[in-house]
Amino acid sequence: MTTDVVTFGCRLNAYESEVIREKALKAGLQNAVVFNTCAVTAEAERQARQAIRKYRRDFPHRKIIVTGCAAQINPASFSQMPEVDQVLGNTEKLKEKYFDPDTDHARIIVNDIMAVKETAEHLIAGFDGRARAFIQVQNGCDHRCTFCTIPYGRGNSRSVPLGVIVDQVHLLLSKGFQEIVLTGVDITAYGEDLPGKPTLGQMVKRLLAHVPDLPRLRLSSLDPVEVDPDLFLVFERDPRLMPHFHLSLQAGDDMILKRMKRRHLRQDVIAICQKLRALRSDVTFGADIIAGFPTETEAMFKNTLQIVEDCDLTFLHVFPYSPREGTPAARMPQVKGDVIKERASRLREIGQKNLEKTLARFVGQDASILLETETHGHSEHFLKVQLTIPQSPGSIVKAKVVGMKESYLEAII
C-alpha cells in the first residue's frame, strides 16, 4: 500500500500535503499514513487526535506519522499517543529523507522553526481530485496576535521568489489546471525578506505579465491593513484576478481588535471593501471571525454583527473562541461557553442570509464556472454553481444563472 495523507486546516496545509505525498512516494515509503495537523483552534487539534485513534483501530498495521502545526508546537503530546509511530516538524515534513523506510529515524524529529530563514521552493505536479491548484508564496508570520499559536508552528515570515512562483504556475498549467490560488500564512506580508522588498501587488502584477495564458488567479486570506496600492491597481485592470477576497477580519469591535493585537480597526476594513467595490462592483468578500473572544460584551459582539452587514460579507469562517495554552488571550477574562456557542450560531445565521442575498443578485446573469465535477463548480466570485448538463471536470464554461438554492446557483449552458 502507498502512503496516504490526511489534511487538517488551511490551504497552505493542503499544498504541503501534496509535497508530502510526493516526497513519501520518492522515498519509497509504503503502508503508511501522514496526518498533517492544524493548531488554529483546540477543536482542530482534538479532531486530529480523534482521527488518529480511529485510523489505528481501522488499520492496526500501518505506520502513523504525525506532522503539521499542532505537532510542531507540541510534539511530546503526540509522541505520547500509543497510536503514533513518528512525529515530524513543519520543516522536516517537506524533506524526502525523513520518509526513507530504510533509515532509522528518531521518534520525534522537530527542530526550532524560528531558526528557519527560507521558504522551501517545492515544485509539485498537481493536486489529486482538484480543479484548482494552490501555490505557496509565503510562510510564517511576524505578528503576534494574542489568540494565535501559528507563528510558533510556522516561524517568522519568509517569501518565495517570483521566478520560482512563475515556474510553478507554468508547470501546473501544463498539467491542465485552470485556476491558481496563491496561499501562505500571511501573504500580504509577501516580499519583506526579498531583495528590493516587492509587495504582494507587485508580485501578482509581474506574475500575470509573465504568464499571459493563466486564465484565473485567486488569493487566499488577506490582512486588511497590508493591501498595497499595486494590488488595487492590478485588480482594477486585470480581470484574471478573481473578484473574491477573503479577509482576516477576526472581529468588528475596535476594543476587541486592540485586545487581539490586530493592526486594523473596523473602519479600515470598511474602507478596503468600499475601495475594492468602487473598482469592480461585483466583488464578493469572505472573512474569518472569532466568536466570544475574551472580554467580548454583547455590545462589542453586535459591532461584529454590524460589520458583516456594513461590508456585505458573504462567506464567513466562524471560529468559536477556544483558549490556546501560552497565549495572552488565554489569561484574559473568558466568555462563558454557552455564550460563545450562541454568538457563533448568530454569526453563521447572518452569514447564511448574506450568502442567499448574494446568490439572488447573480440570478439572471452570465457566469464563468470552473468545474470540479461534471455538474458542480465555482464562479469567478467563488459561488457554488450546479449545471443542468454535465461538462468536462477541470474546464471553465460560460453559463446562464437561472436560479438558486440555499447555498448554490443553478445554471444552464
Protein backbone atom coordinates (compact mmCIF):
# COMPACT_ATOMS: atom_id res chain seq x y z
CA MET A 1 0.00 0.00 0.00
CA THR A 2 1.20 3.51 -0.77
CA THR A 3 1.26 6.41 1.70
CA ASP A 4 -1.94 8.34 2.41
CA VAL A 5 -2.01 11.94 3.64
CA VAL A 6 -4.83 13.24 5.85
CA THR A 7 -5.03 17.05 5.87
CA PHE A 8 -6.44 19.37 8.52
CA GLY A 9 -6.69 23.15 8.40
CA CYS A 10 -5.69 25.74 5.86
CA ARG A 11 -4.94 25.86 2.14
CA LEU A 12 -1.23 26.03 2.89
CA ASN A 13 -1.55 22.67 4.60
CA ALA A 14 -3.37 21.36 1.51
CA TYR A 15 -0.45 22.48 -0.63
CA GLU A 16 2.11 20.97 1.72
CA SER A 17 0.21 17.69 1.85
CA GLU A 18 0.84 17.32 -1.87
CA VAL A 19 4.55 17.93 -1.26
CA ILE A 20 4.47 15.30 1.50
CA ARG A 21 2.75 12.85 -0.86
CA GLU A 22 5.45 13.30 -3.50
CA LYS A 23 8.34 13.14 -1.01
CA ALA A 24 6.98 9.96 0.58
CA LEU A 25 6.48 8.36 -2.83
CA LYS A 26 10.03 9.18 -3.94
CA ALA A 27 11.42 7.87 -0.65
CA GLY A 28 9.62 4.57 -1.19
CA LEU A 29 7.50 4.77 1.96
CA GLN A 30 4.80 2.07 1.94
CA ASN A 31 1.85 1.13 4.11
CA ALA A 32 1.82 4.41 6.00
CA VAL A 33 -0.37 7.44 6.67
CA VAL A 34 0.70 11.02 7.41
CA PHE A 35 -1.59 13.25 9.47
CA ASN A 36 -0.87 16.90 8.59
CA THR A 37 -2.37 18.69 11.60
CA CYS A 38 -3.65 22.19 12.35
CA ALA A 39 -3.30 24.22 15.54
CA VAL A 40 -5.55 27.19 14.82
CA THR A 41 -8.07 26.06 17.47
CA ALA A 42 -8.23 23.50 20.25
CA GLU A 43 -11.05 21.83 18.32
CA ALA A 44 -8.81 21.35 15.26
CA GLU A 45 -6.26 19.57 17.43
CA ARG A 46 -8.94 17.46 19.09
CA GLN A 47 -10.28 16.35 15.70
CA ALA A 48 -6.79 15.31 14.62
CA ARG A 49 -6.29 13.18 17.74
CA GLN A 50 -9.71 11.60 17.26
CA ALA A 51 -8.91 10.78 13.62
CA ILE A 52 -5.54 9.27 14.58
CA ARG A 53 -7.14 6.97 17.16
CA LYS A 54 -9.85 5.86 14.73
CA TYR A 55 -7.30 5.20 11.98
CA ARG A 56 -5.26 2.98 14.30
CA ARG A 57 -8.36 0.96 15.14
CA ASP A 58 -9.23 0.56 11.45
CA PHE A 59 -5.66 -0.06 10.23
CA PRO A 60 -3.67 -1.61 13.09
CA HIS A 61 -0.61 -2.48 10.98
CA ARG A 62 0.00 0.78 9.12
CA LYS A 63 2.68 3.27 10.19
CA ILE A 64 1.24 6.55 11.51
CA ILE A 65 3.29 9.74 11.12
CA VAL A 66 2.01 13.00 12.62
CA THR A 67 3.20 16.41 11.44
CA GLY A 68 1.85 19.94 10.86
CA CYS A 69 1.41 22.91 13.18
CA ALA A 70 -0.01 21.03 16.18
CA ALA A 71 2.87 18.56 16.03
CA GLN A 72 5.42 21.37 15.63
CA ILE A 73 4.09 23.27 18.66
CA ASN A 74 3.53 20.29 20.95
CA PRO A 75 5.41 17.24 19.64
CA ALA A 76 5.56 15.48 23.00
CA SER A 77 1.78 15.30 23.30
CA PHE A 78 1.54 13.37 20.02
CA SER A 79 4.55 11.16 20.70
CA GLN A 80 2.84 10.08 23.93
CA MET A 81 -0.11 8.71 21.92
CA PRO A 82 0.38 4.93 21.61
CA GLU A 83 -1.14 5.07 18.12
CA VAL A 84 1.64 7.33 16.77
CA ASP A 85 4.87 5.90 15.35
CA GLN A 86 6.68 9.13 14.42
CA VAL A 87 6.34 12.92 14.83
CA LEU A 88 7.84 15.32 12.25
CA GLY A 89 8.09 19.11 12.41
CA ASN A 90 6.83 21.52 9.77
CA THR A 91 10.27 21.79 8.16
CA GLU A 92 11.07 18.10 8.34
CA LYS A 93 7.77 17.03 6.74
CA LEU A 94 8.88 18.58 3.44
CA LYS A 95 12.16 16.64 3.22
CA GLU A 96 12.35 13.28 1.47
CA LYS A 97 14.99 11.82 3.77
CA TYR A 98 12.65 11.69 6.75
CA PHE A 99 10.30 9.35 4.87
CA ASP A 100 13.05 6.90 3.87
CA PRO A 101 11.89 3.50 5.20
CA ASP A 102 15.43 2.10 5.12
CA THR A 103 16.78 4.71 7.56
CA ASP A 104 16.44 4.54 11.33
CA HIS A 105 14.81 7.79 12.46
CA ALA A 106 14.24 9.23 15.90
CA ARG A 107 10.62 9.01 17.04
CA ILE A 108 10.45 12.81 17.30
CA ILE A 109 12.19 14.97 14.67
CA VAL A 110 11.11 18.56 15.33
CA ASN A 111 13.62 21.39 15.10
CA ASP A 112 13.42 25.09 16.01
CA ILE A 113 11.03 26.63 13.47
CA MET A 114 12.17 30.15 14.43
CA ALA A 115 15.64 29.34 13.09
CA VAL A 116 14.28 28.70 9.57
CA LYS A 117 15.15 31.59 7.25
CA GLU A 118 13.96 30.36 3.85
CA THR A 119 10.74 29.05 2.39
CA ALA A 120 11.22 25.68 0.73
CA GLU A 121 10.82 26.01 -3.03
CA HIS A 122 8.81 22.94 -3.94
CA LEU A 123 7.53 22.37 -7.45
CA ILE A 124 4.64 19.93 -7.47
CA ALA A 125 2.89 18.45 -10.45
CA GLY A 126 -0.71 18.91 -9.34
CA PHE A 127 -3.42 18.17 -6.83
CA ASP A 128 -5.33 14.91 -6.69
CA GLY A 129 -9.01 15.45 -7.36
CA ARG A 130 -8.83 19.23 -7.62
CA ALA A 131 -9.64 21.58 -10.48
CA ARG A 132 -7.65 24.42 -8.95
CA ALA A 133 -4.16 24.32 -7.54
CA PHE A 134 -2.58 26.11 -4.61
CA ILE A 135 0.90 27.63 -4.68
CA GLN A 136 2.81 28.53 -1.54
CA VAL A 137 4.21 32.05 -1.98
CA GLN A 138 4.90 32.79 1.67
CA ASN A 139 5.18 31.04 5.02
CA GLY A 140 5.33 32.11 8.65
CA CYS A 141 4.16 35.26 10.41
CA ASP A 142 5.96 38.18 12.09
CA HIS A 143 2.90 39.29 14.06
CA ARG A 144 1.85 38.05 17.48
CA CYS A 145 -1.92 38.20 17.80
CA THR A 146 -2.89 37.42 21.38
CA PHE A 147 -5.06 34.41 20.48
CA CYS A 148 -2.75 32.76 17.95
CA THR A 149 -0.13 29.99 18.17
CA ILE A 150 0.52 29.75 14.43
CA PRO A 151 3.84 31.72 14.42
CA TYR A 152 5.21 29.06 16.77
CA GLY A 153 4.17 26.38 14.31
CA ARG A 154 5.28 28.21 11.17
CA GLY A 155 8.11 30.51 12.23
CA ASN A 156 8.73 34.05 11.01
CA SER A 157 7.58 35.39 7.64
CA ARG A 158 9.57 34.35 4.57
CA SER A 159 8.73 34.61 0.88
CA VAL A 160 9.20 32.57 -2.29
CA PRO A 161 11.00 34.42 -5.13
CA LEU A 162 8.91 35.36 -8.17
CA GLY A 163 10.89 33.14 -10.54
CA VAL A 164 10.01 30.02 -8.56
CA ILE A 165 6.33 31.04 -8.47
CA VAL A 166 6.29 31.58 -12.25
CA ASP A 167 7.89 28.16 -12.82
CA GLN A 168 5.29 26.55 -10.57
CA VAL A 169 2.41 28.20 -12.44
CA HIS A 170 3.78 27.10 -15.81
CA LEU A 171 4.10 23.53 -14.53
CA LEU A 172 0.55 23.44 -13.21
CA LEU A 173 -0.85 24.98 -16.40
CA SER A 174 0.89 22.25 -18.39
CA LYS A 175 -0.99 19.72 -16.23
CA GLY A 176 -4.32 21.29 -17.19
CA PHE A 177 -5.12 23.41 -14.15
CA GLN A 178 -7.19 26.48 -14.98
CA GLU A 179 -7.08 28.33 -11.69
CA ILE A 180 -4.19 29.05 -9.33
CA VAL A 181 -4.61 30.12 -5.70
CA LEU A 182 -1.70 31.94 -4.06
CA THR A 183 -1.50 30.88 -0.45
CA GLY A 184 0.55 31.34 2.70
CA VAL A 185 0.22 32.17 6.38
CA ASP A 186 0.26 35.96 5.85
CA ILE A 187 0.52 36.55 2.09
CA THR A 188 0.07 40.31 2.37
CA ALA A 189 3.45 40.32 4.16
CA TYR A 190 4.99 38.95 0.96
CA GLY A 191 8.38 40.30 -0.09
CA GLU A 192 9.66 41.99 3.06
CA ASP A 193 12.53 39.50 3.23
CA LEU A 194 13.36 39.53 -0.52
CA PRO A 195 15.80 41.83 -2.37
CA GLY A 196 14.03 45.09 -3.24
CA LYS A 197 11.14 44.18 -0.92
CA PRO A 198 8.47 43.60 -3.61
CA THR A 199 4.91 43.82 -2.34
CA LEU A 200 2.18 41.24 -2.91
CA GLY A 201 0.58 43.54 -5.50
CA GLN A 202 3.85 43.93 -7.39
CA MET A 203 4.39 40.16 -7.36
CA VAL A 204 0.85 39.49 -8.63
CA LYS A 205 1.25 42.10 -11.38
CA ARG A 206 4.52 40.54 -12.56
CA LEU A 207 3.18 37.00 -12.32
CA LEU A 208 0.21 37.81 -14.56
CA ALA A 209 2.55 39.54 -17.02
CA HIS A 210 4.93 36.56 -17.11
CA VAL A 211 2.10 34.02 -17.55
CA PRO A 212 -0.35 35.57 -20.04
CA ASP A 213 -2.14 32.24 -20.62
CA LEU A 214 -3.15 31.84 -16.95
CA PRO A 215 -6.99 32.00 -17.02
CA ARG A 216 -7.73 32.61 -13.33
CA LEU A 217 -5.74 33.76 -10.32
CA ARG A 218 -7.15 33.80 -6.80
CA LEU A 219 -5.70 34.98 -3.49
CA SER A 220 -6.08 33.39 -0.08
CA SER A 221 -6.69 35.31 3.16
CA LEU A 222 -5.59 38.96 3.22
CA ASP A 223 -4.67 41.18 6.16
CA PRO A 224 -6.76 44.36 5.61
CA VAL A 225 -4.02 46.84 6.58
CA GLU A 226 -1.37 45.27 4.33
CA VAL A 227 -3.20 45.53 1.00
CA ASP A 228 -0.85 47.64 -1.14
CA PRO A 229 -1.62 50.14 -3.95
CA ASP A 230 -0.35 47.80 -6.68
CA LEU A 231 -2.84 45.13 -5.67
CA PHE A 232 -5.68 47.62 -6.07
CA LEU A 233 -4.27 48.58 -9.46
CA VAL A 234 -3.96 45.05 -10.82
CA PHE A 235 -7.44 44.20 -9.51
CA GLU A 236 -8.85 47.15 -11.41
CA ARG A 237 -7.04 46.38 -14.67
CA ASP A 238 -6.73 42.58 -14.97
CA PRO A 239 -9.94 40.51 -14.87
CA ARG A 240 -7.90 37.33 -14.41
CA LEU A 241 -7.54 38.28 -10.74
CA MET A 242 -10.82 36.88 -9.44
CA PRO A 243 -13.36 39.27 -7.84
CA HIS A 244 -13.41 37.50 -4.49
CA PHE A 245 -11.33 38.31 -1.41
CA HIS A 246 -11.17 36.62 1.96
CA LEU A 247 -10.25 38.97 4.81
CA SER A 248 -8.56 38.15 8.09
CA LEU A 249 -11.11 40.21 10.00
CA GLN A 250 -11.48 38.37 13.35
CA ALA A 251 -13.79 40.99 14.93
CA GLY A 252 -15.69 44.18 14.19
CA ASP A 253 -15.24 45.95 17.52
CA ASP A 254 -12.25 48.26 17.95
CA MET A 255 -11.57 47.37 21.59
CA ILE A 256 -11.63 43.63 20.85
CA LEU A 257 -9.36 44.18 17.84
CA LYS A 258 -6.90 46.01 20.09
CA ARG A 259 -7.03 43.24 22.69
CA MET A 260 -6.41 40.74 19.90
CA LYS A 261 -3.39 42.87 18.94
CA ARG A 262 -4.68 43.18 15.39
CA ARG A 263 -3.33 46.11 13.39
CA HIS A 264 -6.61 47.21 11.80
CA LEU A 265 -9.74 48.85 13.16
CA ARG A 266 -13.31 48.35 11.89
CA GLN A 267 -13.16 51.45 9.70
CA ASP A 268 -10.03 50.12 7.94
CA VAL A 269 -11.97 47.03 6.87
CA ILE A 270 -14.99 49.05 5.72
CA ALA A 271 -12.70 51.33 3.70
CA ILE A 272 -10.95 48.38 1.99
CA CYS A 273 -14.29 46.83 0.97
CA GLN A 274 -15.59 50.16 -0.32
CA LYS A 275 -12.44 50.77 -2.36
CA LEU A 276 -12.48 47.32 -3.96
CA ARG A 277 -16.20 47.66 -4.77
CA ALA A 278 -15.53 51.03 -6.38
CA LEU A 279 -13.01 49.32 -8.69
CA ARG A 280 -15.22 46.31 -9.54
CA SER A 281 -18.74 46.48 -8.19
CA ASP A 282 -19.37 42.73 -8.47
CA VAL A 283 -16.64 41.74 -5.96
CA THR A 284 -17.58 39.36 -3.13
CA PHE A 285 -15.97 39.04 0.30
CA GLY A 286 -15.40 36.39 2.90
CA ALA A 287 -13.93 36.74 6.37
CA ASP A 288 -12.52 34.86 9.34
CA ILE A 289 -14.34 35.85 12.55
CA ILE A 290 -13.80 34.72 16.13
CA ALA A 291 -16.94 34.48 18.27
CA GLY A 292 -16.66 35.08 22.01
CA PHE A 293 -13.13 36.43 22.31
CA PRO A 294 -12.23 37.09 25.98
CA THR A 295 -13.91 40.22 27.45
CA GLU A 296 -16.34 40.45 24.50
CA THR A 297 -19.60 42.01 25.69
CA GLU A 298 -22.92 41.80 23.86
CA ALA A 299 -22.44 45.37 22.61
CA MET A 300 -18.99 44.52 21.27
CA PHE A 301 -20.36 41.42 19.57
CA LYS A 302 -23.11 43.49 17.93
CA ASN A 303 -20.36 45.63 16.36
CA THR A 304 -19.06 42.46 14.74
CA LEU A 305 -22.53 41.56 13.50
CA GLN A 306 -22.86 45.08 12.13
CA ILE A 307 -19.60 44.98 10.16
CA VAL A 308 -20.80 41.79 8.46
CA GLU A 309 -23.76 43.83 7.24
CA ASP A 310 -21.77 47.01 6.52
CA CYS A 311 -19.26 45.14 4.32
CA ASP A 312 -21.84 42.65 2.96
CA LEU A 313 -19.59 39.71 3.85
CA THR A 314 -20.80 36.62 2.01
CA PHE A 315 -18.54 33.76 3.12
CA LEU A 316 -17.99 33.61 6.88
CA HIS A 317 -15.49 31.27 8.50
CA VAL A 318 -16.71 31.40 12.11
CA PHE A 319 -14.41 30.18 14.88
CA PRO A 320 -15.85 29.84 18.40
CA TYR A 321 -13.03 31.11 20.61
CA SER A 322 -11.02 28.46 22.43
CA PRO A 323 -8.02 29.34 24.61
CA ARG A 324 -4.63 28.17 23.38
CA GLU A 325 -2.13 27.43 26.12
CA GLY A 326 0.62 30.02 26.39
CA THR A 327 -1.20 32.81 24.53
CA PRO A 328 -2.01 36.15 26.20
CA ALA A 329 -5.71 35.76 25.39
CA ALA A 330 -5.88 32.57 27.45
CA ARG A 331 -5.08 34.67 30.54
CA MET A 332 -7.82 37.23 29.85
CA PRO A 333 -11.33 37.01 31.41
CA GLN A 334 -13.12 34.34 29.40
CA VAL A 335 -16.62 34.44 27.90
CA LYS A 336 -18.88 31.58 29.01
CA GLY A 337 -19.01 28.60 26.67
CA ASP A 338 -22.76 28.72 26.07
CA VAL A 339 -22.49 32.42 25.15
CA ILE A 340 -19.65 31.68 22.70
CA LYS A 341 -21.71 28.92 21.09
CA GLU A 342 -24.77 31.19 20.80
CA ARG A 343 -22.75 34.03 19.24
CA ALA A 344 -21.13 31.67 16.74
CA SER A 345 -24.61 30.48 15.77
CA ARG A 346 -25.83 34.06 15.24
CA LEU A 347 -22.81 34.82 13.07
CA ARG A 348 -23.42 31.75 10.92
CA GLU A 349 -27.07 32.72 10.61
CA ILE A 350 -26.30 36.21 9.34
CA GLY A 351 -23.63 34.73 7.07
CA GLN A 352 -26.20 32.41 5.52
CA LYS A 353 -28.60 35.32 4.96
CA ASN A 354 -25.87 37.32 3.24
CA LEU A 355 -24.93 34.32 1.10
CA GLU A 356 -28.54 33.91 -0.05
CA LYS A 357 -28.75 37.64 -0.77
CA THR A 358 -25.59 37.46 -2.87
CA LEU A 359 -26.77 34.35 -4.72
CA ALA A 360 -30.03 36.14 -5.61
CA ARG A 361 -28.03 39.06 -7.00
CA PHE A 362 -26.44 36.84 -9.64
CA VAL A 363 -29.61 35.09 -10.85
CA GLY A 364 -30.20 36.06 -14.48
CA GLN A 365 -26.53 36.88 -15.10
CA ASP A 366 -23.83 35.03 -17.02
CA ALA A 367 -21.17 33.20 -15.06
CA SER A 368 -17.77 31.69 -15.79
CA ILE A 369 -17.60 28.39 -13.94
CA LEU A 370 -14.58 26.27 -13.10
CA LEU A 371 -15.91 22.73 -12.82
CA GLU A 372 -14.71 20.43 -10.04
CA THR A 373 -17.08 17.66 -11.20
CA GLU A 374 -19.19 17.22 -14.34
CA THR A 375 -22.00 19.31 -12.85
CA HIS A 376 -20.58 21.30 -9.93
CA GLY A 377 -18.09 24.14 -9.80
CA HIS A 378 -17.38 27.69 -8.65
CA SER A 379 -17.96 31.01 -10.36
CA GLU A 380 -15.44 33.85 -10.54
CA HIS A 381 -16.97 35.13 -7.28
CA PHE A 382 -16.39 31.76 -5.59
CA LEU A 383 -20.10 30.99 -5.54
CA LYS A 384 -21.04 27.32 -5.87
CA VAL A 385 -22.80 26.54 -9.14
CA GLN A 386 -24.69 23.47 -10.33
CA LEU A 387 -25.08 22.82 -14.06
CA THR A 388 -28.04 21.02 -15.60
CA ILE A 389 -25.95 19.39 -18.36
CA PRO A 390 -22.66 17.60 -17.50
CA GLN A 391 -19.41 19.11 -18.80
CA SER A 392 -15.74 18.13 -18.54
CA PRO A 393 -14.32 18.42 -15.00
CA GLY A 394 -11.46 20.90 -14.80
CA SER A 395 -12.81 23.05 -17.63
CA ILE A 396 -14.09 26.62 -17.50
CA VAL A 397 -17.55 27.03 -19.04
CA LYS A 398 -19.80 30.00 -19.66
CA ALA A 399 -23.33 29.54 -18.37
CA LYS A 400 -26.52 31.43 -17.62
CA VAL A 401 -27.62 31.52 -13.98
CA VAL A 402 -31.32 30.63 -13.90
CA GLY A 403 -32.00 30.01 -10.22
CA MET A 404 -30.63 29.44 -6.72
CA LYS A 405 -30.93 27.19 -3.70
CA GLU A 406 -29.83 27.92 -0.12
CA SER A 407 -26.10 27.58 -0.85
CA TYR A 408 -25.59 27.48 -4.62
CA LEU A 409 -26.64 28.80 -8.02
CA GLU A 410 -28.30 26.80 -10.79
CA ALA A 411 -27.11 27.43 -14.35
CA ILE A 412 -27.59 26.23 -17.91
CA ILE A 413 -25.16 26.20 -20.83
